Amino acid sequence: MIGRIAAALIAYLLCIFHFNDAMTTVGHLFGLNGFWALFIPSALIGLSVYRIADPDTWGLWDAVGFLIIGGIVMLAMTGNPEATAYEMVKGVVGFSVAAILGALTLRGGRDYGR
């Protein structure tokens, strides 16, 4: 528990002090100004890291955490919300198809349904 809190706090402080220009840029893309443009994306990353830092109970919310971190990083790199949304949808669809094919393989592959 204390490790998760420490990881989230370190990620949050890194976003506030080291990556503050990127976080402010993402905050402006969200339509935020001033303090909130720095606080909201940094808090989202901190909360996502807190959730991901517990590998014993991974699930859907961890996938959402990865998507939040990936989306914020892509927005900071490109500055283009439209291209970021396109890439996020492309990634989610690709991973979904891979999961479906993996599940079919585990169930028996070509022998399933005969």
PDB file of N, CA and C in Angstrom:
ATOM      1  N   MET A   1       0.823  -1.193   0.000  1.00  0.00           N
ATOM      2  CA  MET A   1       0.000   0.000   0.000  1.00  0.00           C
ATOM      3  C   MET A   1       0.866   1.255   0.000  1.00  0.00           C
ATOM      4  N   ILE A   2       1.885   1.272   0.841  1.00  0.00           N
ATOM      5  CA  ILE A   2       2.735   2.455   0.918  1.00  0.00           C
ATOM      6  C   ILE A   2       3.541   2.619  -0.373  1.00  0.00           C
ATOM      7  N   GLY A   3       3.864   1.504  -1.033  1.00  0.00           N
ATOM      8  CA  GLY A   3       4.576   1.565  -2.308  1.00  0.00           C
ATOM      9  C   GLY A   3       3.730   2.184  -3.405  1.00  0.00           C
ATOM     10  N   ARG A   4       2.440   1.870  -3.414  1.00  0.00           N
ATOM     11  CA  ARG A   4       1.528   2.457  -4.398  1.00  0.00           C
ATOM     12  C   ARG A   4       1.407   3.953  -4.191  1.00  0.00           C
ATOM     13  N   ILE A   5       1.292   4.367  -2.939  1.00  0.00           N
ATOM     14  CA  ILE A   5       1.189   5.798  -2.635  1.00  0.00           C
ATOM     15  C   ILE A   5       2.478   6.513  -3.023  1.00  0.00           C
ATOM     16  N   ALA A   6       3.625   5.897  -2.732  1.00  0.00           N
ATOM     17  CA  ALA A   6       4.910   6.512  -3.081  1.00  0.00           C
ATOM     18  C   ALA A   6       5.059   6.631  -4.599  1.00  0.00           C
ATOM     19  N   ALA A   7       4.675   5.596  -5.351  1.00  0.00           N
ATOM     20  CA  ALA A   7       4.774   5.646  -6.812  1.00  0.00           C
ATOM     21  C   ALA A   7       3.874   6.734  -7.388  1.00  0.00           C
ATOM     22  N   ALA A   8       2.641   6.820  -6.867  1.00  0.00           N
ATOM     23  CA  ALA A   8       1.718   7.843  -7.351  1.00  0.00           C
ATOM     24  C   ALA A   8       2.220   9.246  -7.011  1.00  0.00           C
ATOM     25  N   LEU A   9       2.752   9.423  -5.819  1.00  0.00           N
ATOM     26  CA  LEU A   9       3.260  10.730  -5.407  1.00  0.00           C
ATOM     27  C   LEU A   9       4.480  11.130  -6.242  1.00  0.00           C
ATOM     28  N   ILE A  10       5.365  10.184  -6.514  1.00  0.00           N
ATOM     29  CA  ILE A  10       6.534  10.476  -7.347  1.00  0.00           C
ATOM     30  C   ILE A  10       6.102  10.850  -8.762  1.00  0.00           C
ATOM     31  N   ALA A  11       5.145  10.112  -9.325  1.00  0.00           N
ATOM     32  CA  ALA A  11       4.658  10.429 -10.673  1.00  0.00           C
ATOM     33  C   ALA A  11       4.002  11.809 -10.700  1.00  0.00           C
ATOM     34  N   TYR A  12       3.212  12.114  -9.681  1.00  0.00           N
ATOM     35  CA  TYR A  12       2.545  13.411  -9.602  1.00  0.00           C
ATOM     36  C   TYR A  12       3.562  14.543  -9.496  1.00  0.00           C
ATOM     37  N   LEU A  13       4.557  14.371  -8.628  1.00  0.00           N
ATOM     38  CA  LEU A  13       5.566  15.421  -8.455  1.00  0.00           C
ATOM     39  C   LEU A  13       6.425  15.585  -9.712  1.00  0.00           C
ATOM     40  N   LEU A  14       6.724  14.492 -10.401  1.00  0.00           N
ATOM     41  CA  LEU A  14       7.442  14.600 -11.668  1.00  0.00           C
ATOM     42  C   LEU A  14       6.643  15.395 -12.692  1.00  0.00           C
ATOM     43  N   CYS A  15       5.340  15.141 -12.743  1.00  0.00           N
ATOM     44  CA  CYS A  15       4.495  15.885 -13.680  1.00  0.00           C
ATOM     45  C   CYS A  15       4.444  17.364 -13.326  1.00  0.00           C
ATOM     46  N   ILE A  16       4.361  17.676 -12.040  1.00  0.00           N
ATOM     47  CA  ILE A  16       4.248  19.074 -11.605  1.00  0.00           C
ATOM     48  C   ILE A  16       5.562  19.825 -11.834  1.00  0.00           C
ATOM     49  N   PHE A  17       6.687  19.238 -11.464  1.00  0.00           N
ATOM     50  CA  PHE A  17       7.941  19.987 -11.469  1.00  0.00           C
ATOM     51  C   PHE A  17       8.805  19.764 -12.712  1.00  0.00           C
ATOM     52  N   HIS A  18       8.823  18.555 -13.261  1.00  0.00           N
ATOM     53  CA  HIS A  18       9.710  18.284 -14.388  1.00  0.00           C
ATOM     54  C   HIS A  18       8.994  18.429 -15.736  1.00  0.00           C
ATOM     55  N   PHE A  19       7.775  17.916 -15.816  1.00  0.00           N
ATOM     56  CA  PHE A  19       7.029  17.944 -17.071  1.00  0.00           C
ATOM     57  C   PHE A  19       5.936  19.006 -17.050  1.00  0.00           C
ATOM     58  N   ASN A  20       6.154  20.112 -16.367  1.00  0.00           N
ATOM     59  CA  ASN A  20       5.099  21.104 -16.203  1.00  0.00           C
ATOM     60  C   ASN A  20       4.706  21.759 -17.529  1.00  0.00           C
ATOM     61  N   ASP A  21       5.633  21.943 -18.457  1.00  0.00           N
ATOM     62  CA  ASP A  21       5.266  22.531 -19.753  1.00  0.00           C
ATOM     63  C   ASP A  21       4.347  21.604 -20.540  1.00  0.00           C
ATOM     64  N   ALA A  22       4.660  20.314 -20.545  1.00  0.00           N
ATOM     65  CA  ALA A  22       3.823  19.351 -21.262  1.00  0.00           C
ATOM     66  C   ALA A  22       2.446  19.234 -20.603  1.00  0.00           C
ATOM     67  N   MET A  23       2.409  19.226 -19.280  1.00  0.00           N
ATOM     68  CA  MET A  23       1.128  19.121 -18.577  1.00  0.00           C
ATOM     69  C   MET A  23       0.276  20.363 -18.810  1.00  0.00           C
ATOM     70  N   THR A  24       0.894  21.523 -18.838  1.00  0.00           N
ATOM     71  CA  THR A  24       0.155  22.764 -19.101  1.00  0.00           C
ATOM     72  C   THR A  24      -0.390  22.768 -20.525  1.00  0.00           C
ATOM     73  N   THR A  25       0.393  22.265 -21.475  1.00  0.00           N
ATOM     74  CA  THR A  25      -0.070  22.175 -22.861  1.00  0.00           C
ATOM     75  C   THR A  25      -1.287  21.269 -22.961  1.00  0.00           C
ATOM     76  N   VAL A  26      -1.235  20.127 -22.299  1.00  0.00           N
ATOM     77  CA  VAL A  26      -2.375  19.203 -22.307  1.00  0.00           C
ATOM     78  C   VAL A  26      -3.576  19.841 -21.607  1.00  0.00           C
ATOM     79  N   GLY A  27      -3.338  20.537 -20.502  1.00  0.00           N
ATOM     80  CA  GLY A  27      -4.424  21.228 -19.808  1.00  0.00           C
ATOM     81  C   GLY A  27      -5.085  22.276 -20.678  1.00  0.00           C
ATOM     82  N   HIS A  28      -4.303  22.986 -21.472  1.00  0.00           N
ATOM     83  CA  HIS A  28      -4.875  23.974 -22.387  1.00  0.00           C
ATOM     84  C   HIS A  28      -5.691  23.295 -23.480  1.00  0.00           C
ATOM     85  N   LEU A  29      -5.257  22.116 -23.918  1.00  0.00           N
ATOM     86  CA  LEU A  29      -6.044  21.362 -24.896  1.00  0.00           C
ATOM     87  C   LEU A  29      -7.368  20.883 -24.300  1.00  0.00           C
ATOM     88  N   PHE A  30      -7.388  20.644 -22.985  1.00  0.00           N
ATOM     89  CA  PHE A  30      -8.629  20.289 -22.288  1.00  0.00           C
ATOM     90  C   PHE A  30      -9.513  21.503 -22.057  1.00  0.00           C
ATOM     91  N   GLY A  31      -8.980  22.712 -22.291  1.00  0.00           N
ATOM     92  CA  GLY A  31      -9.744  23.940 -22.085  1.00  0.00           C
ATOM     93  C   GLY A  31      -9.559  24.524 -20.697  1.00  0.00           C
ATOM     94  N   LEU A  32      -8.500  24.173 -20.017  1.00  0.00           N
ATOM     95  CA  LEU A  32      -8.239  24.659 -18.662  1.00  0.00           C
ATOM     96  C   LEU A  32      -7.225  25.787 -18.699  1.00  0.00           C
ATOM     97  N   ASN A  33      -7.237  26.627 -17.674  1.00  0.00           N
ATOM     98  CA  ASN A  33      -6.296  27.740 -17.590  1.00  0.00           C
ATOM     99  C   ASN A  33      -5.615  27.762 -16.237  1.00  0.00           C
ATOM    100  N   GLY A  34      -4.434  28.349 -16.198  1.00  0.00           N
ATOM    101  CA  GLY A  34      -3.731  28.600 -14.949  1.00  0.00           C
ATOM    102  C   GLY A  34      -3.362  27.339 -14.187  1.00  0.00           C
ATOM    103  N   PHE A  35      -3.646  27.368 -12.885  1.00  0.00           N
ATOM    104  CA  PHE A  35      -3.307  26.261 -11.997  1.00  0.00           C
ATOM    105  C   PHE A  35      -3.969  24.966 -12.430  1.00  0.00           C
ATOM    106  N   TRP A  36      -5.214  25.040 -12.886  1.00  0.00           N
ATOM    107  CA  TRP A  36      -5.952  23.829 -13.250  1.00  0.00           C
ATOM    108  C   TRP A  36      -5.360  23.148 -14.472  1.00  0.00           C
ATOM    109  N   ALA A  37      -4.750  23.920 -15.380  1.00  0.00           N
ATOM    110  CA  ALA A  37      -4.119  23.330 -16.564  1.00  0.00           C
ATOM    111  C   ALA A  37      -2.925  22.460 -16.183  1.00  0.00           C
ATOM    112  N   LEU A  38      -2.300  22.738 -15.069  1.00  0.00           N
ATOM    113  CA  LEU A  38      -1.185  21.918 -14.588  1.00  0.00           C
ATOM    114  C   LEU A  38      -1.671  20.818 -13.647  1.00  0.00           C
ATOM    115  N   PHE A  39      -2.674  21.120 -12.811  1.00  0.00           N
ATOM    116  CA  PHE A  39      -3.103  20.184 -11.765  1.00  0.00           C
ATOM    117  C   PHE A  39      -3.895  18.994 -12.315  1.00  0.00           C
ATOM    118  N   ILE A  40      -4.864  19.228 -13.191  1.00  0.00           N
ATOM    119  CA  ILE A  40      -5.773  18.159 -13.629  1.00  0.00           C
ATOM    120  C   ILE A  40      -5.035  17.043 -14.389  1.00  0.00           C
ATOM    121  N   PRO A  41      -4.237  17.328 -15.435  1.00  0.00           N
ATOM    122  CA  PRO A  41      -3.527  16.211 -16.088  1.00  0.00           C
ATOM    123  C   PRO A  41      -2.536  15.510 -15.154  1.00  0.00           C
ATOM    124  N   SER A  42      -1.887  16.271 -14.281  1.00  0.00           N
ATOM    125  CA  SER A  42      -0.944  15.659 -13.342  1.00  0.00           C
ATOM    126  C   SER A  42      -1.675  14.754 -12.355  1.00  0.00           C
ATOM    127  N   ALA A  43      -2.830  15.186 -11.884  1.00  0.00           N
ATOM    128  CA  ALA A  43      -3.613  14.365 -10.961  1.00  0.00           C
ATOM    129  C   ALA A  43      -4.125  13.101 -11.644  1.00  0.00           C
ATOM    130  N   LEU A  44      -4.531  13.214 -12.905  1.00  0.00           N
ATOM    131  CA  LEU A  44      -4.981  12.032 -13.639  1.00  0.00           C
ATOM    132  C   LEU A  44      -3.856  11.010 -13.783  1.00  0.00           C
ATOM    133  N   ILE A  45      -2.655  11.484 -14.068  1.00  0.00           N
ATOM    134  CA  ILE A  45      -1.520  10.569 -14.176  1.00  0.00           C
ATOM    135  C   ILE A  45      -1.192   9.965 -12.812  1.00  0.00           C
ATOM    136  N   GLY A  46      -1.208  10.763 -11.763  1.00  0.00           N
ATOM    137  CA  GLY A  46      -0.944  10.240 -10.420  1.00  0.00           C
ATOM    138  C   GLY A  46      -1.944   9.179 -10.003  1.00  0.00           C
ATOM    139  N   LEU A  47      -3.227   9.424 -10.257  1.00  0.00           N
ATOM    140  CA  LEU A  47      -4.255   8.434  -9.913  1.00  0.00           C
ATOM    141  C   LEU A  47      -4.129   7.171 -10.760  1.00  0.00           C
ATOM    142  N   SER A  48      -3.765   7.332 -12.023  1.00  0.00           N
ATOM    143  CA  SER A  48      -3.575   6.164 -12.886  1.00  0.00           C
ATOM    144  C   SER A  48      -2.385   5.324 -12.422  1.00  0.00           C
ATOM    145  N   VAL A  49      -1.308   5.984 -12.045  1.00  0.00           N
ATOM    146  CA  VAL A  49      -0.147   5.248 -11.542  1.00  0.00           C
ATOM    147  C   VAL A  49      -0.495   4.539 -10.238  1.00  0.00           C
ATOM    148  N   TYR A  50      -1.283   5.187  -9.387  1.00  0.00           N
ATOM    149  CA  TYR A  50      -1.710   4.548  -8.137  1.00  0.00           C
ATOM    150  C   TYR A  50      -2.480   3.259  -8.434  1.00  0.00           C
ATOM    151  N   ARG A  51      -3.348   3.303  -9.425  1.00  0.00           N
ATOM    152  CA  ARG A  51      -4.152   2.123  -9.756  1.00  0.00           C
ATOM    153  C   ARG A  51      -3.295   1.030 -10.392  1.00  0.00           C
ATOM    154  N   ILE A  52      -2.384   1.407 -11.274  1.00  0.00           N
ATOM    155  CA  ILE A  52      -1.566   0.430 -11.992  1.00  0.00           C
ATOM    156  C   ILE A  52      -0.516  -0.207 -11.091  1.00  0.00           C
ATOM    157  N   ALA A  53      -0.114   0.468 -10.031  1.00  0.00           N
ATOM    158  CA  ALA A  53       0.989   0.007  -9.182  1.00  0.00           C
ATOM    159  C   ALA A  53       0.649  -1.229  -8.341  1.00  0.00           C
ATOM    160  N   ASP A  54      -0.562  -1.745  -8.453  1.00  0.00           N
ATOM    161  CA  ASP A  54      -0.936  -2.959  -7.720  1.00  0.00           C
ATOM    162  C   ASP A  54      -1.148  -4.097  -8.720  1.00  0.00           C
ATOM    163  N   PRO A  55      -0.103  -4.836  -9.066  1.00  0.00           N
ATOM    164  CA  PRO A  55      -0.230  -5.861 -10.106  1.00  0.00           C
ATOM    165  C   PRO A  55      -1.023  -7.097  -9.673  1.00  0.00           C
ATOM    166  N   ASP A  56      -1.326  -7.229  -8.384  1.00  0.00           N
ATOM    167  CA  ASP A  56      -2.070  -8.404  -7.923  1.00  0.00           C
ATOM    168  C   ASP A  56      -3.532  -8.360  -8.321  1.00  0.00           C
ATOM    169  N   THR A  57      -4.087  -7.180  -8.510  1.00  0.00           N
ATOM    170  CA  THR A  57      -5.514  -7.046  -8.811  1.00  0.00           C
ATOM    171  C   THR A  57      -5.734  -6.254 -10.088  1.00  0.00           C
ATOM    172  N   TRP A  58      -5.013  -6.604 -11.141  1.00  0.00           N
ATOM    173  CA  TRP A  58      -5.199  -5.897 -12.396  1.00  0.00           C
ATOM    174  C   TRP A  58      -6.527  -6.266 -13.007  1.00  0.00           C
ATOM    175  N   GLY A  59      -7.122  -5.291 -13.707  1.00  0.00           N
ATOM    176  CA  GLY A  59      -8.401  -5.508 -14.350  1.00  0.00           C
ATOM    177  C   GLY A  59      -8.706  -4.385 -15.324  1.00  0.00           C
ATOM    178  N   LEU A  60      -9.975  -4.124 -15.489  1.00  0.00           N
ATOM    179  CA  LEU A  60     -10.440  -3.119 -16.449  1.00  0.00           C
ATOM    180  C   LEU A  60      -9.956  -1.719 -16.090  1.00  0.00           C
ATOM    181  N   TRP A  61      -9.954  -1.384 -14.807  1.00  0.00           N
ATOM    182  CA  TRP A  61      -9.550  -0.030 -14.404  1.00  0.00           C
ATOM    183  C   TRP A  61      -8.072   0.216 -14.640  1.00  0.00           C
ATOM    184  N   ASP A  62      -7.275  -0.823 -14.642  1.00  0.00           N
ATOM    185  CA  ASP A  62      -5.866  -0.660 -14.979  1.00  0.00           C
ATOM    186  C   ASP A  62      -5.699  -0.361 -16.466  1.00  0.00           C
ATOM    187  N   ALA A  63      -6.517  -0.999 -17.287  1.00  0.00           N
ATOM    188  CA  ALA A  63      -6.496  -0.689 -18.719  1.00  0.00           C
ATOM    189  C   ALA A  63      -6.902   0.763 -18.955  1.00  0.00           C
ATOM    190  N   VAL A  64      -7.896   1.227 -18.213  1.00  0.00           N
ATOM    191  CA  VAL A  64      -8.306   2.631 -18.312  1.00  0.00           C
ATOM    192  C   VAL A  64      -7.165   3.543 -17.863  1.00  0.00           C
ATOM    193  N   GLY A  65      -6.460   3.155 -16.819  1.00  0.00           N
ATOM    194  CA  GLY A  65      -5.316   3.935 -16.359  1.00  0.00           C
ATOM    195  C   GLY A  65      -4.231   4.035 -17.421  1.00  0.00           C
ATOM    196  N   PHE A  66      -3.944   2.909 -18.085  1.00  0.00           N
ATOM    197  CA  PHE A  66      -2.970   2.938 -19.168  1.00  0.00           C
ATOM    198  C   PHE A  66      -3.428   3.829 -20.315  1.00  0.00           C
ATOM    199  N   LEU A  67      -4.727   3.788 -20.633  1.00  0.00           N
ATOM    200  CA  LEU A  67      -5.254   4.651 -21.689  1.00  0.00           C
ATOM    201  C   LEU A  67      -5.155   6.127 -21.310  1.00  0.00           C
ATOM    202  N   ILE A  68      -5.409   6.455 -20.058  1.00  0.00           N
ATOM    203  CA  ILE A  68      -5.300   7.845 -19.612  1.00  0.00           C
ATOM    204  C   ILE A  68      -3.866   8.329 -19.728  1.00  0.00           C
ATOM    205  N   ILE A  69      -2.929   7.536 -19.229  1.00  0.00           N
ATOM    206  CA  ILE A  69      -1.524   7.933 -19.315  1.00  0.00           C
ATOM    207  C   ILE A  69      -1.089   8.041 -20.776  1.00  0.00           C
ATOM    208  N   GLY A  70      -1.448   7.061 -21.585  1.00  0.00           N
ATOM    209  CA  GLY A  70      -1.090   7.100 -23.004  1.00  0.00           C
ATOM    210  C   GLY A  70      -1.704   8.278 -23.732  1.00  0.00           C
ATOM    211  N   GLY A  71      -2.953   8.581 -23.426  1.00  0.00           N
ATOM    212  CA  GLY A  71      -3.619   9.715 -24.068  1.00  0.00           C
ATOM    213  C   GLY A  71      -2.974  11.040 -23.706  1.00  0.00           C
ATOM    214  N   ILE A  72      -2.644  11.217 -22.440  1.00  0.00           N
ATOM    215  CA  ILE A  72      -2.009  12.462 -22.009  1.00  0.00           C
ATOM    216  C   ILE A  72      -0.619  12.590 -22.627  1.00  0.00           C
ATOM    217  N   VAL A  73       0.127  11.494 -22.681  1.00  0.00           N
ATOM    218  CA  VAL A  73       1.459  11.544 -23.283  1.00  0.00           C
ATOM    219  C   VAL A  73       1.355  11.852 -24.773  1.00  0.00           C
ATOM    220  N   MET A  74       0.423  11.215 -25.468  1.00  0.00           N
ATOM    221  CA  MET A  74       0.271  11.483 -26.899  1.00  0.00           C
ATOM    222  C   MET A  74      -0.183  12.904 -27.156  1.00  0.00           C
ATOM    223  N   LEU A  75      -1.080  13.429 -26.314  1.00  0.00           N
ATOM    224  CA  LEU A  75      -1.484  14.825 -26.461  1.00  0.00           C
ATOM    225  C   LEU A  75      -0.317  15.767 -26.226  1.00  0.00           C
ATOM    226  N   ALA A  76       0.516  15.459 -25.256  1.00  0.00           N
ATOM    227  CA  ALA A  76       1.676  16.306 -24.980  1.00  0.00           C
ATOM    228  C   ALA A  76       2.669  16.262 -26.139  1.00  0.00           C
ATOM    229  N   MET A  77       2.817  15.114 -26.779  1.00  0.00           N
ATOM    230  CA  MET A  77       3.776  14.985 -27.875  1.00  0.00           C
ATOM    231  C   MET A  77       3.268  15.626 -29.159  1.00  0.00           C
ATOM    232  N   THR A  78       2.005  15.406 -29.495  1.00  0.00           N
ATOM    233  CA  THR A  78       1.495  15.879 -30.785  1.00  0.00           C
ATOM    234  C   THR A  78       0.815  17.236 -30.690  1.00  0.00           C
ATOM    235  N   GLY A  79       0.074  17.472 -29.622  1.00  0.00           N
ATOM    236  CA  GLY A  79      -0.705  18.700 -29.518  1.00  0.00           C
ATOM    237  C   GLY A  79      -1.926  18.686 -30.418  1.00  0.00           C
ATOM    238  N   ASN A  80      -2.284  17.521 -30.938  1.00  0.00           N
ATOM    239  CA  ASN A  80      -3.395  17.389 -31.869  1.00  0.00           C
ATOM    240  C   ASN A  80      -4.411  16.401 -31.298  1.00  0.00           C
ATOM    241  N   PRO A  81      -5.522  16.892 -30.739  1.00  0.00           N
ATOM    242  CA  PRO A  81      -6.506  15.975 -30.139  1.00  0.00           C
ATOM    243  C   PRO A  81      -7.145  15.021 -31.145  1.00  0.00           C
ATOM    244  N   GLU A  82      -7.315  15.470 -32.379  1.00  0.00           N
ATOM    245  CA  GLU A  82      -7.936  14.620 -33.391  1.00  0.00           C
ATOM    246  C   GLU A  82      -7.045  13.418 -33.730  1.00  0.00           C
ATOM    247  N   ALA A  83      -5.770  13.661 -33.933  1.00  0.00           N
ATOM    248  CA  ALA A  83      -4.842  12.572 -34.231  1.00  0.00           C
ATOM    249  C   ALA A  83      -4.698  11.645 -33.026  1.00  0.00           C
ATOM    250  N   THR A  84      -4.713  12.205 -31.822  1.00  0.00           N
ATOM    251  CA  THR A  84      -4.618  11.383 -30.612  1.00  0.00           C
ATOM    252  C   THR A  84      -5.830  10.473 -30.475  1.00  0.00           C
ATOM    253  N   ALA A  85      -7.024  11.007 -30.720  1.00  0.00           N
ATOM    254  CA  ALA A  85      -8.235  10.185 -30.644  1.00  0.00           C
ATOM    255  C   ALA A  85      -8.189   9.066 -31.683  1.00  0.00           C
ATOM    256  N   TYR A  86      -7.723   9.377 -32.882  1.00  0.00           N
ATOM    257  CA  TYR A  86      -7.606   8.361 -33.931  1.00  0.00           C
ATOM    258  C   TYR A  86      -6.650   7.249 -33.505  1.00  0.00           C
ATOM    259  N   GLU A  87      -5.500   7.610 -32.981  1.00  0.00           N
ATOM    260  CA  GLU A  87      -4.515   6.618 -32.559  1.00  0.00           C
ATOM    261  C   GLU A  87      -5.021   5.790 -31.373  1.00  0.00           C
ATOM    262  N   MET A  88      -5.747   6.424 -30.453  1.00  0.00           N
ATOM    263  CA  MET A  88      -6.287   5.689 -29.304  1.00  0.00           C
ATOM    264  C   MET A  88      -7.314   4.655 -29.761  1.00  0.00           C
ATOM    265  N   VAL A  89      -8.208   5.045 -30.664  1.00  0.00           N
ATOM    266  CA  VAL A  89      -9.216   4.107 -31.164  1.00  0.00           C
ATOM    267  C   VAL A  89      -8.536   2.973 -31.926  1.00  0.00           C
ATOM    268  N   LYS A  90      -7.540   3.314 -32.720  1.00  0.00           N
ATOM    269  CA  LYS A  90      -6.806   2.290 -33.471  1.00  0.00           C
ATOM    270  C   LYS A  90      -6.128   1.306 -32.524  1.00  0.00           C
ATOM    271  N   GLY A  91      -5.537   1.797 -31.459  1.00  0.00           N
ATOM    272  CA  GLY A  91      -4.882   0.919 -30.492  1.00  0.00           C
ATOM    273  C   GLY A  91      -5.858   0.037 -29.742  1.00  0.00           C
ATOM    274  N   VAL A  92      -6.989   0.604 -29.334  1.00  0.00           N
ATOM    275  CA  VAL A  92      -7.994  -0.174 -28.600  1.00  0.00           C
ATOM    276  C   VAL A  92      -8.575  -1.271 -29.486  1.00  0.00           C
ATOM    277  N   VAL A  93      -8.864  -0.948 -30.744  1.00  0.00           N
ATOM    278  CA  VAL A  93      -9.400  -1.955 -31.658  1.00  0.00           C
ATOM    279  C   VAL A  93      -8.365  -3.052 -31.914  1.00  0.00           C
ATOM    280  N   GLY A  94      -7.104  -2.668 -32.079  1.00  0.00           N
ATOM    281  CA  GLY A  94      -6.054  -3.666 -32.305  1.00  0.00           C
ATOM    282  C   GLY A  94      -5.898  -4.612 -31.131  1.00  0.00           C
ATOM    283  N   PHE A  95      -5.887  -4.059 -29.909  1.00  0.00           N
ATOM    284  CA  PHE A  95      -5.770  -4.921 -28.731  1.00  0.00           C
ATOM    285  C   PHE A  95      -7.014  -5.779 -28.539  1.00  0.00           C
ATOM    286  N   SER A  96      -8.183  -5.264 -28.904  1.00  0.00           N
ATOM    287  CA  SER A  96      -9.414  -6.048 -28.782  1.00  0.00           C
ATOM    288  C   SER A  96      -9.399  -7.241 -29.730  1.00  0.00           C
ATOM    289  N   VAL A  97      -8.973  -7.008 -30.963  1.00  0.00           N
ATOM    290  CA  VAL A  97      -8.889  -8.110 -31.926  1.00  0.00           C
ATOM    291  C   VAL A  97      -7.866  -9.146 -31.451  1.00  0.00           C
ATOM    292  N   ALA A  98      -6.741  -8.679 -30.923  1.00  0.00           N
ATOM    293  CA  ALA A  98      -5.733  -9.612 -30.410  1.00  0.00           C
ATOM    294  C   ALA A  98      -6.282 -10.424 -29.241  1.00  0.00           C
ATOM    295  N   ALA A  99      -7.064  -9.793 -28.362  1.00  0.00           N
ATOM    296  CA  ALA A  99      -7.641 -10.509 -27.223  1.00  0.00           C
ATOM    297  C   ALA A  99      -8.655 -11.548 -27.690  1.00  0.00           C
ATOM    298  N   ILE A 100      -9.457 -11.204 -28.684  1.00  0.00           N
ATOM    299  CA  ILE A 100     -10.443 -12.154 -29.204  1.00  0.00           C
ATOM    300  C   ILE A 100      -9.740 -13.345 -29.853  1.00  0.00           C
ATOM    301  N   LEU A 101      -8.722 -13.078 -30.654  1.00  0.00           N
ATOM    302  CA  LEU A 101      -7.988 -14.179 -31.285  1.00  0.00           C
ATOM    303  C   LEU A 101      -7.273 -15.043 -30.247  1.00  0.00           C
ATOM    304  N   GLY A 102      -6.730 -14.412 -29.220  1.00  0.00           N
ATOM    305  CA  GLY A 102      -6.091 -15.178 -28.152  1.00  0.00           C
ATOM    306  C   GLY A 102      -7.080 -16.049 -27.402  1.00  0.00           C
ATOM    307  N   ALA A 103      -8.274 -15.516 -27.136  1.00  0.00           N
ATOM    308  CA  ALA A 103      -9.301 -16.301 -26.442  1.00  0.00           C
ATOM    309  C   ALA A 103      -9.758 -17.477 -27.300  1.00  0.00           C
ATOM    310  N   LEU A 104      -9.912 -17.247 -28.592  1.00  0.00           N
ATOM    311  CA  LEU A 104     -10.288 -18.357 -29.478  1.00  0.00           C
ATOM    312  C   LEU A 104      -9.200 -19.417 -29.532  1.00  0.00           C
ATOM    313  N   THR A 105      -7.954 -19.005 -29.507  1.00  0.00           N
ATOM    314  CA  THR A 105      -6.848 -19.961 -29.509  1.00  0.00           C
ATOM    315  C   THR A 105      -6.853 -20.803 -28.240  1.00  0.00           C
ATOM    316  N   LEU A 106      -7.121 -20.164 -27.108  1.00  0.00           N
ATOM    317  CA  LEU A 106      -7.158 -20.905 -25.848  1.00  0.00           C
ATOM    318  C   LEU A 106      -8.331 -21.881 -25.787  1.00  0.00           C
ATOM    319  N   ARG A 107      -9.402 -21.570 -26.483  1.00  0.00           N
ATOM    320  CA  ARG A 107     -10.573 -22.450 -26.461  1.00  0.00           C
ATOM    321  C   ARG A 107     -10.425 -23.632 -27.400  1.00  0.00           C
ATOM    322  N   GLY A 108      -9.433 -23.632 -28.257  1.00  0.00           N
ATOM    323  CA  GLY A 108      -9.246 -24.792 -29.121  1.00  0.00           C
ATOM    324  C   GLY A 108      -8.982 -24.434 -30.570  1.00  0.00           C
ATOM    325  N   GLY A 109      -8.990 -23.169 -30.905  1.00  0.00           N
ATOM    326  CA  GLY A 109      -8.648 -22.739 -32.263  1.00  0.00           C
ATOM    327  C   GLY A 109      -9.603 -23.255 -33.306  1.00  0.00           C
ATOM    328  N   ARG A 110      -9.082 -23.921 -34.305  1.00  0.00           N
ATOM    329  CA  ARG A 110      -9.908 -24.356 -35.436  1.00  0.00           C
ATOM    330  C   ARG A 110     -10.829 -25.511 -35.076  1.00  0.00           C
ATOM    331  N   ASP A 111     -10.529 -26.247 -34.009  1.00  0.00           N
ATOM    332  CA  ASP A 111     -11.370 -27.365 -33.608  1.00  0.00           C
ATOM    333  C   ASP A 111     -12.631 -26.917 -32.870  1.00  0.00           C
ATOM    334  N   TYR A 112     -12.658 -25.673 -32.451  1.00  0.00           N
ATOM    335  CA  TYR A 112     -13.816 -25.180 -31.697  1.00  0.00           C
ATOM    336  C   TYR A 112     -15.017 -25.033 -32.633  1.00  0.00           C
ATOM    337  N   GLY A 113     -16.140 -25.606 -32.240  1.00  0.00           N
ATOM    338  CA  GLY A 113     -17.361 -25.457 -32.998  1.00  0.00           C
ATOM    339  C   GLY A 113     -17.622 -26.586 -33.992  1.00  0.00           C
ATOM    340  N   ARG A 114     -16.762 -27.589 -34.041  1.00  0.00           N
ATOM    341  CA  ARG A 114     -17.001 -28.705 -34.987  1.00  0.00           C
ATOM    342  C   ARG A 114     -17.532 -29.905 -34.289  1.00  0.00           C
TER     343      ARG A 114
END
